[in-house]
Amino acid sequence: MFCPVLRYALLTASAGHLTRLAACHGETNVVTFENIKLPGLTADTAVRYHDICISYFIELSKDPQEQYNEDVLTAATVLRFYEQIDDSEAYLNTI
């Protein structure tokens, strides 16, 4: 995980997924993963990671050599997956 943009894309998707799972289970407000409580993990955490990831994308976009970097392309794919899942959930909550 030496590539910050990929690291934050994975953190974004993971935080979003774990907070949605906790909300679906109707448990307490504390997210638990493999019996480990993660009290600081909230939906806002995913948004903060997303913002950091986007700032790395902006910096990398200034470097033409990063255009075909596999880590950057993978991060873009992970982040897009998160955004689609987040959009789908927002839509389902309005029904």
PDB file of N, CA and C in Angstrom:
ATOM      1  N   MET A   1       0.829  -1.187   0.000  1.00  0.00           N
ATOM      2  CA  MET A   1       0.000   0.000   0.000  1.00  0.00           C
ATOM      3  C   MET A   1       0.874   1.250   0.000  1.00  0.00           C
ATOM      4  N   PHE A   2       1.793   1.294  -0.939  1.00  0.00           N
ATOM      5  CA  PHE A   2       2.681   2.442  -1.035  1.00  0.00           C
ATOM      6  C   PHE A   2       2.126   3.547  -1.925  1.00  0.00           C
ATOM      7  N   CYS A   3       1.021   3.287  -2.573  1.00  0.00           N
ATOM      8  CA  CYS A   3       0.403   4.277  -3.449  1.00  0.00           C
ATOM      9  C   CYS A   3      -0.758   4.933  -2.696  1.00  0.00           C
ATOM     10  N   PRO A   4      -0.614   6.198  -2.303  1.00  0.00           N
ATOM     11  CA  PRO A   4      -1.652   6.850  -1.493  1.00  0.00           C
ATOM     12  C   PRO A   4      -3.025   6.882  -2.154  1.00  0.00           C
ATOM     13  N   VAL A   5      -3.072   7.103  -3.454  1.00  0.00           N
ATOM     14  CA  VAL A   5      -4.375   7.192  -4.118  1.00  0.00           C
ATOM     15  C   VAL A   5      -5.096   5.842  -4.062  1.00  0.00           C
ATOM     16  N   LEU A   6      -4.363   4.759  -4.234  1.00  0.00           N
ATOM     17  CA  LEU A   6      -4.974   3.427  -4.147  1.00  0.00           C
ATOM     18  C   LEU A   6      -5.358   3.114  -2.697  1.00  0.00           C
ATOM     19  N   ARG A   7      -4.502   3.465  -1.768  1.00  0.00           N
ATOM     20  CA  ARG A   7      -4.788   3.224  -0.346  1.00  0.00           C
ATOM     21  C   ARG A   7      -6.090   3.920   0.065  1.00  0.00           C
ATOM     22  N   TYR A   8      -6.232   5.191  -0.291  1.00  0.00           N
ATOM     23  CA  TYR A   8      -7.436   5.932   0.106  1.00  0.00           C
ATOM     24  C   TYR A   8      -8.675   5.488  -0.663  1.00  0.00           C
ATOM     25  N   ALA A   9      -8.508   4.995  -1.877  1.00  0.00           N
ATOM     26  CA  ALA A   9      -9.658   4.443  -2.595  1.00  0.00           C
ATOM     27  C   ALA A   9     -10.165   3.194  -1.877  1.00  0.00           C
ATOM     28  N   LEU A  10      -9.246   2.333  -1.456  1.00  0.00           N
ATOM     29  CA  LEU A  10      -9.640   1.118  -0.729  1.00  0.00           C
ATOM     30  C   LEU A  10     -10.222   1.457   0.641  1.00  0.00           C
ATOM     31  N   LEU A  11      -9.657   2.438   1.320  1.00  0.00           N
ATOM     32  CA  LEU A  11     -10.212   2.847   2.607  1.00  0.00           C
ATOM     33  C   LEU A  11     -11.619   3.418   2.438  1.00  0.00           C
ATOM     34  N   THR A  12     -11.822   4.176   1.368  1.00  0.00           N
ATOM     35  CA  THR A  12     -13.148   4.738   1.094  1.00  0.00           C
ATOM     36  C   THR A  12     -14.172   3.631   0.910  1.00  0.00           C
ATOM     37  N   ALA A  13     -13.855   2.691   0.025  1.00  0.00           N
ATOM     38  CA  ALA A  13     -14.796   1.603  -0.255  1.00  0.00           C
ATOM     39  C   ALA A  13     -15.027   0.737   0.983  1.00  0.00           C
ATOM     40  N   SER A  14     -13.973   0.458   1.722  1.00  0.00           N
ATOM     41  CA  SER A  14     -14.096  -0.380   2.920  1.00  0.00           C
ATOM     42  C   SER A  14     -14.936   0.300   3.994  1.00  0.00           C
ATOM     43  N   ALA A  15     -14.649   1.562   4.249  1.00  0.00           N
ATOM     44  CA  ALA A  15     -15.403   2.293   5.273  1.00  0.00           C
ATOM     45  C   ALA A  15     -16.871   2.401   4.881  1.00  0.00           C
ATOM     46  N   GLY A  16     -17.124   2.695   3.620  1.00  0.00           N
ATOM     47  CA  GLY A  16     -18.515   2.782   3.157  1.00  0.00           C
ATOM     48  C   GLY A  16     -19.235   1.455   3.299  1.00  0.00           C
ATOM     49  N   HIS A  17     -18.562   0.377   2.927  1.00  0.00           N
ATOM     50  CA  HIS A  17     -19.166  -0.953   3.004  1.00  0.00           C
ATOM     51  C   HIS A  17     -19.453  -1.357   4.453  1.00  0.00           C
ATOM     52  N   LEU A  18     -18.474  -1.169   5.321  1.00  0.00           N
ATOM     53  CA  LEU A  18     -18.655  -1.572   6.723  1.00  0.00           C
ATOM     54  C   LEU A  18     -19.740  -0.761   7.417  1.00  0.00           C
ATOM     55  N   THR A  19     -19.817   0.526   7.141  1.00  0.00           N
ATOM     56  CA  THR A  19     -20.860   1.331   7.780  1.00  0.00           C
ATOM     57  C   THR A  19     -22.240   0.970   7.254  1.00  0.00           C
ATOM     58  N   ARG A  20     -22.335   0.616   5.971  1.00  0.00           N
ATOM     59  CA  ARG A  20     -23.629   0.178   5.429  1.00  0.00           C
ATOM     60  C   ARG A  20     -24.042  -1.165   6.027  1.00  0.00           C
ATOM     61  N   LEU A  21     -23.086  -2.059   6.186  1.00  0.00           N
ATOM     62  CA  LEU A  21     -23.403  -3.357   6.795  1.00  0.00           C
ATOM     63  C   LEU A  21     -23.903  -3.189   8.225  1.00  0.00           C
ATOM     64  N   ALA A  22     -23.247  -2.337   8.986  1.00  0.00           N
ATOM     65  CA  ALA A  22     -23.665  -2.106  10.369  1.00  0.00           C
ATOM     66  C   ALA A  22     -25.069  -1.519  10.403  1.00  0.00           C
ATOM     67  N   ALA A  23     -25.373  -0.603   9.491  1.00  0.00           N
ATOM     68  CA  ALA A  23     -26.700   0.007   9.445  1.00  0.00           C
ATOM     69  C   ALA A  23     -27.755  -1.026   9.059  1.00  0.00           C
ATOM     70  N   CYS A  24     -27.417  -1.944   8.181  1.00  0.00           N
ATOM     71  CA  CYS A  24     -28.361  -2.979   7.750  1.00  0.00           C
ATOM     72  C   CYS A  24     -28.689  -3.953   8.876  1.00  0.00           C
ATOM     73  N   HIS A  25     -27.744  -4.186   9.734  1.00  0.00           N
ATOM     74  CA  HIS A  25     -27.949  -5.154  10.803  1.00  0.00           C
ATOM     75  C   HIS A  25     -28.675  -4.555  11.991  1.00  0.00           C
ATOM     76  N   GLY A  26     -28.865  -3.237  11.986  1.00  0.00           N
ATOM     77  CA  GLY A  26     -29.605  -2.583  13.057  1.00  0.00           C
ATOM     78  C   GLY A  26     -28.932  -2.676  14.409  1.00  0.00           C
ATOM     79  N   GLU A  27     -27.620  -2.873  14.390  1.00  0.00           N
ATOM     80  CA  GLU A  27     -26.888  -2.978  15.652  1.00  0.00           C
ATOM     81  C   GLU A  27     -26.652  -1.589  16.222  1.00  0.00           C
ATOM     82  N   THR A  28     -25.851  -1.536  17.248  1.00  0.00           N
ATOM     83  CA  THR A  28     -25.518  -0.247  17.852  1.00  0.00           C
ATOM     84  C   THR A  28     -24.803   0.620  16.831  1.00  0.00           C
ATOM     85  N   ASN A  29     -24.530   1.841  17.199  1.00  0.00           N
ATOM     86  CA  ASN A  29     -23.870   2.769  16.286  1.00  0.00           C
ATOM     87  C   ASN A  29     -22.397   2.459  16.083  1.00  0.00           C
ATOM     88  N   VAL A  30     -21.870   1.474  16.779  1.00  0.00           N
ATOM     89  CA  VAL A  30     -20.459   1.126  16.666  1.00  0.00           C
ATOM     90  C   VAL A  30     -20.295   0.007  15.638  1.00  0.00           C
ATOM     91  N   VAL A  31     -19.484   0.282  14.615  1.00  0.00           N
ATOM     92  CA  VAL A  31     -19.193  -0.725  13.596  1.00  0.00           C
ATOM     93  C   VAL A  31     -18.266  -1.758  14.204  1.00  0.00           C
ATOM     94  N   THR A  32     -18.565  -3.034  13.963  1.00  0.00           N
ATOM     95  CA  THR A  32     -17.732  -4.128  14.446  1.00  0.00           C
ATOM     96  C   THR A  32     -17.323  -4.988  13.264  1.00  0.00           C
ATOM     97  N   PHE A  33     -16.035  -5.279  13.171  1.00  0.00           N
ATOM     98  CA  PHE A  33     -15.521  -6.140  12.108  1.00  0.00           C
ATOM     99  C   PHE A  33     -14.686  -7.230  12.734  1.00  0.00           C
ATOM    100  N   GLU A  34     -15.075  -8.472  12.499  1.00  0.00           N
ATOM    101  CA  GLU A  34     -14.400  -9.641  13.075  1.00  0.00           C
ATOM    102  C   GLU A  34     -14.203  -9.475  14.581  1.00  0.00           C
ATOM    103  N   ASN A  35     -15.296  -9.102  15.240  1.00  0.00           N
ATOM    104  CA  ASN A  35     -15.353  -8.915  16.689  1.00  0.00           C
ATOM    105  C   ASN A  35     -14.453  -7.791  17.204  1.00  0.00           C
ATOM    106  N   ILE A  36     -14.029  -6.908  16.318  1.00  0.00           N
ATOM    107  CA  ILE A  36     -13.246  -5.743  16.720  1.00  0.00           C
ATOM    108  C   ILE A  36     -14.129  -4.511  16.550  1.00  0.00           C
ATOM    109  N   LYS A  37     -14.351  -3.798  17.634  1.00  0.00           N
ATOM    110  CA  LYS A  37     -15.183  -2.596  17.567  1.00  0.00           C
ATOM    111  C   LYS A  37     -14.380  -1.449  16.955  1.00  0.00           C
ATOM    112  N   LEU A  38     -15.016  -0.743  16.029  1.00  0.00           N
ATOM    113  CA  LEU A  38     -14.402   0.399  15.355  1.00  0.00           C
ATOM    114  C   LEU A  38     -15.252   1.639  15.625  1.00  0.00           C
ATOM    115  N   PRO A  39     -15.166   2.181  16.838  1.00  0.00           N
ATOM    116  CA  PRO A  39     -16.080   3.264  17.232  1.00  0.00           C
ATOM    117  C   PRO A  39     -15.920   4.545  16.425  1.00  0.00           C
ATOM    118  N   GLY A  40     -14.762   4.778  15.832  1.00  0.00           N
ATOM    119  CA  GLY A  40     -14.560   6.003  15.071  1.00  0.00           C
ATOM    120  C   GLY A  40     -14.999   5.905  13.630  1.00  0.00           C
ATOM    121  N   LEU A  41     -15.445   4.737  13.211  1.00  0.00           N
ATOM    122  CA  LEU A  41     -15.816   4.526  11.812  1.00  0.00           C
ATOM    123  C   LEU A  41     -17.281   4.873  11.600  1.00  0.00           C
ATOM    124  N   THR A  42     -17.513   5.890  10.782  1.00  0.00           N
ATOM    125  CA  THR A  42     -18.863   6.331  10.466  1.00  0.00           C
ATOM    126  C   THR A  42     -18.966   6.549   8.961  1.00  0.00           C
ATOM    127  N   ALA A  43     -20.146   6.865   8.500  1.00  0.00           N
ATOM    128  CA  ALA A  43     -20.330   7.183   7.079  1.00  0.00           C
ATOM    129  C   ALA A  43     -19.495   8.404   6.699  1.00  0.00           C
ATOM    130  N   ASP A  44     -19.314   9.317   7.640  1.00  0.00           N
ATOM    131  CA  ASP A  44     -18.480  10.488   7.375  1.00  0.00           C
ATOM    132  C   ASP A  44     -17.014  10.111   7.148  1.00  0.00           C
ATOM    133  N   THR A  45     -16.582   9.019   7.745  1.00  0.00           N
ATOM    134  CA  THR A  45     -15.219   8.552   7.548  1.00  0.00           C
ATOM    135  C   THR A  45     -14.986   8.239   6.077  1.00  0.00           C
ATOM    136  N   ALA A  46     -15.925   7.554   5.454  1.00  0.00           N
ATOM    137  CA  ALA A  46     -15.808   7.228   4.034  1.00  0.00           C
ATOM    138  C   ALA A  46     -15.740   8.496   3.185  1.00  0.00           C
ATOM    139  N   VAL A  47     -16.516   9.492   3.552  1.00  0.00           N
ATOM    140  CA  VAL A  47     -16.506  10.763   2.805  1.00  0.00           C
ATOM    141  C   VAL A  47     -15.149  11.450   2.952  1.00  0.00           C
ATOM    142  N   ARG A  48     -14.592  11.429   4.154  1.00  0.00           N
ATOM    143  CA  ARG A  48     -13.264  12.047   4.354  1.00  0.00           C
ATOM    144  C   ARG A  48     -12.199  11.317   3.541  1.00  0.00           C
ATOM    145  N   TYR A  49     -12.229   9.975   3.560  1.00  0.00           N
ATOM    146  CA  TYR A  49     -11.275   9.204   2.750  1.00  0.00           C
ATOM    147  C   TYR A  49     -11.464   9.514   1.267  1.00  0.00           C
ATOM    148  N   HIS A  50     -12.707   9.631   0.832  1.00  0.00           N
ATOM    149  CA  HIS A  50     -13.015   9.944  -0.567  1.00  0.00           C
ATOM    150  C   HIS A  50     -12.412  11.296  -0.945  1.00  0.00           C
ATOM    151  N   ASP A  51     -12.578  12.288  -0.094  1.00  0.00           N
ATOM    152  CA  ASP A  51     -12.030  13.616  -0.372  1.00  0.00           C
ATOM    153  C   ASP A  51     -10.511  13.588  -0.482  1.00  0.00           C
ATOM    154  N   ILE A  52      -9.871  12.839   0.400  1.00  0.00           N
ATOM    155  CA  ILE A  52      -8.406  12.721   0.354  1.00  0.00           C
ATOM    156  C   ILE A  52      -7.988  12.039  -0.943  1.00  0.00           C
ATOM    157  N   CYS A  53      -8.696  10.994  -1.308  1.00  0.00           N
ATOM    158  CA  CYS A  53      -8.390  10.261  -2.538  1.00  0.00           C
ATOM    159  C   CYS A  53      -8.514  11.177  -3.758  1.00  0.00           C
ATOM    160  N   ILE A  54      -9.565  11.952  -3.809  1.00  0.00           N
ATOM    161  CA  ILE A  54      -9.759  12.876  -4.924  1.00  0.00           C
ATOM    162  C   ILE A  54      -8.622  13.899  -4.975  1.00  0.00           C
ATOM    163  N   SER A  55      -8.159  14.369  -3.823  1.00  0.00           N
ATOM    164  CA  SER A  55      -7.050  15.337  -3.821  1.00  0.00           C
ATOM    165  C   SER A  55      -5.784  14.698  -4.393  1.00  0.00           C
ATOM    166  N   TYR A  56      -5.562  13.412  -4.119  1.00  0.00           N
ATOM    167  CA  TYR A  56      -4.426  12.716  -4.727  1.00  0.00           C
ATOM    168  C   TYR A  56      -4.617  12.577  -6.234  1.00  0.00           C
ATOM    169  N   PHE A  57      -5.825  12.287  -6.672  1.00  0.00           N
ATOM    170  CA  PHE A  57      -6.096  12.212  -8.110  1.00  0.00           C
ATOM    171  C   PHE A  57      -5.783  13.553  -8.786  1.00  0.00           C
ATOM    172  N   ILE A  58      -6.157  14.630  -8.163  1.00  0.00           N
ATOM    173  CA  ILE A  58      -5.900  15.960  -8.740  1.00  0.00           C
ATOM    174  C   ILE A  58      -4.398  16.190  -8.874  1.00  0.00           C
ATOM    175  N   GLU A  59      -3.639  15.836  -7.835  1.00  0.00           N
ATOM    176  CA  GLU A  59      -2.187  15.995  -7.899  1.00  0.00           C
ATOM    177  C   GLU A  59      -1.582  15.120  -8.998  1.00  0.00           C
ATOM    178  N   LEU A  60      -2.039  13.874  -9.087  1.00  0.00           N
ATOM    179  CA  LEU A  60      -1.498  12.956 -10.089  1.00  0.00           C
ATOM    180  C   LEU A  60      -1.875  13.369 -11.506  1.00  0.00           C
ATOM    181  N   SER A  61      -2.987  14.044 -11.661  1.00  0.00           N
ATOM    182  CA  SER A  61      -3.415  14.454 -13.000  1.00  0.00           C
ATOM    183  C   SER A  61      -2.474  15.492 -13.602  1.00  0.00           C
ATOM    184  N   LYS A  62      -1.669  16.128 -12.759  1.00  0.00           N
ATOM    185  CA  LYS A  62      -0.700  17.119 -13.234  1.00  0.00           C
ATOM    186  C   LYS A  62       0.566  16.473 -13.790  1.00  0.00           C
ATOM    187  N   ASP A  63       0.720  15.160 -13.555  1.00  0.00           N
ATOM    188  CA  ASP A  63       1.913  14.439 -14.011  1.00  0.00           C
ATOM    189  C   ASP A  63       1.525  13.502 -15.155  1.00  0.00           C
ATOM    190  N   PRO A  64       1.929  13.826 -16.399  1.00  0.00           N
ATOM    191  CA  PRO A  64       1.530  13.001 -17.547  1.00  0.00           C
ATOM    192  C   PRO A  64       2.033  11.552 -17.470  1.00  0.00           C
ATOM    193  N   GLN A  65       3.107  11.302 -16.724  1.00  0.00           N
ATOM    194  CA  GLN A  65       3.626   9.937 -16.619  1.00  0.00           C
ATOM    195  C   GLN A  65       2.735   9.045 -15.760  1.00  0.00           C
ATOM    196  N   GLU A  66       1.883   9.636 -14.950  1.00  0.00           N
ATOM    197  CA  GLU A  66       0.988   8.860 -14.090  1.00  0.00           C
ATOM    198  C   GLU A  66      -0.287   8.430 -14.810  1.00  0.00           C
ATOM    199  N   GLN A  67      -0.470   8.879 -16.031  1.00  0.00           N
ATOM    200  CA  GLN A  67      -1.716   8.621 -16.763  1.00  0.00           C
ATOM    201  C   GLN A  67      -2.012   7.125 -16.907  1.00  0.00           C
ATOM    202  N   TYR A  68      -0.995   6.316 -17.085  1.00  0.00           N
ATOM    203  CA  TYR A  68      -1.210   4.876 -17.278  1.00  0.00           C
ATOM    204  C   TYR A  68      -0.675   4.043 -16.116  1.00  0.00           C
ATOM    205  N   ASN A  69      -0.493   4.662 -14.984  1.00  0.00           N
ATOM    206  CA  ASN A  69      -0.051   3.966 -13.794  1.00  0.00           C
ATOM    207  C   ASN A  69      -1.153   2.991 -13.364  1.00  0.00           C
ATOM    208  N   GLU A  70      -0.818   1.703 -13.233  1.00  0.00           N
ATOM    209  CA  GLU A  70      -1.816   0.686 -12.894  1.00  0.00           C
ATOM    210  C   GLU A  70      -2.469   0.937 -11.543  1.00  0.00           C
ATOM    211  N   ASP A  71      -1.712   1.437 -10.585  1.00  0.00           N
ATOM    212  CA  ASP A  71      -2.281   1.726  -9.266  1.00  0.00           C
ATOM    213  C   ASP A  71      -3.337   2.822  -9.354  1.00  0.00           C
ATOM    214  N   VAL A  72      -3.059   3.827 -10.160  1.00  0.00           N
ATOM    215  CA  VAL A  72      -4.007   4.935 -10.310  1.00  0.00           C
ATOM    216  C   VAL A  72      -5.266   4.450 -11.027  1.00  0.00           C
ATOM    217  N   LEU A  73      -5.101   3.631 -12.058  1.00  0.00           N
ATOM    218  CA  LEU A  73      -6.260   3.101 -12.775  1.00  0.00           C
ATOM    219  C   LEU A  73      -7.090   2.185 -11.871  1.00  0.00           C
ATOM    220  N   THR A  74      -6.423   1.391 -11.050  1.00  0.00           N
ATOM    221  CA  THR A  74      -7.129   0.520 -10.108  1.00  0.00           C
ATOM    222  C   THR A  74      -7.877   1.363  -9.075  1.00  0.00           C
ATOM    223  N   ALA A  75      -7.232   2.408  -8.579  1.00  0.00           N
ATOM    224  CA  ALA A  75      -7.879   3.294  -7.607  1.00  0.00           C
ATOM    225  C   ALA A  75      -9.122   3.939  -8.209  1.00  0.00           C
ATOM    226  N   ALA A  76      -9.032   4.348  -9.462  1.00  0.00           N
ATOM    227  CA  ALA A  76     -10.191   4.957 -10.125  1.00  0.00           C
ATOM    228  C   ALA A  76     -11.343   3.961 -10.219  1.00  0.00           C
ATOM    229  N   THR A  77     -11.021   2.714 -10.507  1.00  0.00           N
ATOM    230  CA  THR A  77     -12.051   1.675 -10.600  1.00  0.00           C
ATOM    231  C   THR A  77     -12.701   1.426  -9.245  1.00  0.00           C
ATOM    232  N   VAL A  78     -11.901   1.318  -8.202  1.00  0.00           N
ATOM    233  CA  VAL A  78     -12.429   1.088  -6.844  1.00  0.00           C
ATOM    234  C   VAL A  78     -13.297   2.262  -6.406  1.00  0.00           C
ATOM    235  N   LEU A  79     -12.815   3.463  -6.657  1.00  0.00           N
ATOM    236  CA  LEU A  79     -13.574   4.641  -6.259  1.00  0.00           C
ATOM    237  C   LEU A  79     -14.878   4.744  -7.027  1.00  0.00           C
ATOM    238  N   ARG A  80     -14.866   4.407  -8.292  1.00  0.00           N
ATOM    239  CA  ARG A  80     -16.103   4.436  -9.088  1.00  0.00           C
ATOM    240  C   ARG A  80     -17.092   3.393  -8.577  1.00  0.00           C
ATOM    241  N   PHE A  81     -16.607   2.214  -8.216  1.00  0.00           N
ATOM    242  CA  PHE A  81     -17.465   1.183  -7.631  1.00  0.00           C
ATOM    243  C   PHE A  81     -18.137   1.718  -6.368  1.00  0.00           C
ATOM    244  N   TYR A  82     -17.346   2.346  -5.483  1.00  0.00           N
ATOM    245  CA  TYR A  82     -17.894   2.912  -4.253  1.00  0.00           C
ATOM    246  C   TYR A  82     -18.970   3.946  -4.570  1.00  0.00           C
ATOM    247  N   GLU A  83     -18.683   4.817  -5.524  1.00  0.00           N
ATOM    248  CA  GLU A  83     -19.637   5.871  -5.870  1.00  0.00           C
ATOM    249  C   GLU A  83     -20.938   5.297  -6.425  1.00  0.00           C
ATOM    250  N   GLN A  84     -20.837   4.239  -7.243  1.00  0.00           N
ATOM    251  CA  GLN A  84     -22.046   3.622  -7.789  1.00  0.00           C
ATOM    252  C   GLN A  84     -22.868   2.961  -6.694  1.00  0.00           C
ATOM    253  N   ILE A  85     -22.218   2.260  -5.793  1.00  0.00           N
ATOM    254  CA  ILE A  85     -22.922   1.616  -4.688  1.00  0.00           C
ATOM    255  C   ILE A  85     -23.564   2.675  -3.800  1.00  0.00           C
ATOM    256  N   ASP A  86     -22.850   3.750  -3.534  1.00  0.00           N
ATOM    257  CA  ASP A  86     -23.368   4.831  -2.701  1.00  0.00           C
ATOM    258  C   ASP A  86     -24.578   5.485  -3.371  1.00  0.00           C
ATOM    259  N   ASP A  87     -24.511   5.711  -4.680  1.00  0.00           N
ATOM    260  CA  ASP A  87     -25.639   6.293  -5.422  1.00  0.00           C
ATOM    261  C   ASP A  87     -26.836   5.361  -5.410  1.00  0.00           C
ATOM    262  N   SER A  88     -26.601   4.069  -5.576  1.00  0.00           N
ATOM    263  CA  SER A  88     -27.686   3.088  -5.580  1.00  0.00           C
ATOM    264  C   SER A  88     -28.385   3.057  -4.233  1.00  0.00           C
ATOM    265  N   GLU A  89     -27.609   3.120  -3.165  1.00  0.00           N
ATOM    266  CA  GLU A  89     -28.193   3.095  -1.827  1.00  0.00           C
ATOM    267  C   GLU A  89     -29.009   4.355  -1.581  1.00  0.00           C
ATOM    268  N   ALA A  90     -28.505   5.494  -2.018  1.00  0.00           N
ATOM    269  CA  ALA A  90     -29.234   6.742  -1.846  1.00  0.00           C
ATOM    270  C   ALA A  90     -30.573   6.664  -2.587  1.00  0.00           C
ATOM    271  N   TYR A  91     -30.563   6.075  -3.762  1.00  0.00           N
ATOM    272  CA  TYR A  91     -31.798   5.921  -4.536  1.00  0.00           C
ATOM    273  C   TYR A  91     -32.767   4.994  -3.830  1.00  0.00           C
ATOM    274  N   LEU A  92     -32.262   3.862  -3.314  1.00  0.00           N
ATOM    275  CA  LEU A  92     -33.141   2.902  -2.636  1.00  0.00           C
ATOM    276  C   LEU A  92     -33.741   3.484  -1.360  1.00  0.00           C
ATOM    277  N   ASN A  93     -33.013   4.371  -0.701  1.00  0.00           N
ATOM    278  CA  ASN A  93     -33.544   4.987   0.531  1.00  0.00           C
ATOM    279  C   ASN A  93     -34.670   5.960   0.258  1.00  0.00           C
ATOM    280  N   THR A  94     -34.837   6.421  -0.988  1.00  0.00           N
ATOM    281  CA  THR A  94     -35.906   7.361  -1.305  1.00  0.00           C
ATOM    282  C   THR A  94     -37.187   6.644  -1.697  1.00  0.00           C
ATOM    283  N   ILE A  95     -37.103   5.351  -1.934  1.00  0.00           N
ATOM    284  CA  ILE A  95     -38.290   4.591  -2.353  1.00  0.00           C
ATOM    285  C   ILE A  95     -39.156   4.276  -1.164  1.00  0.00           C
TER     286      ILE A  95
END
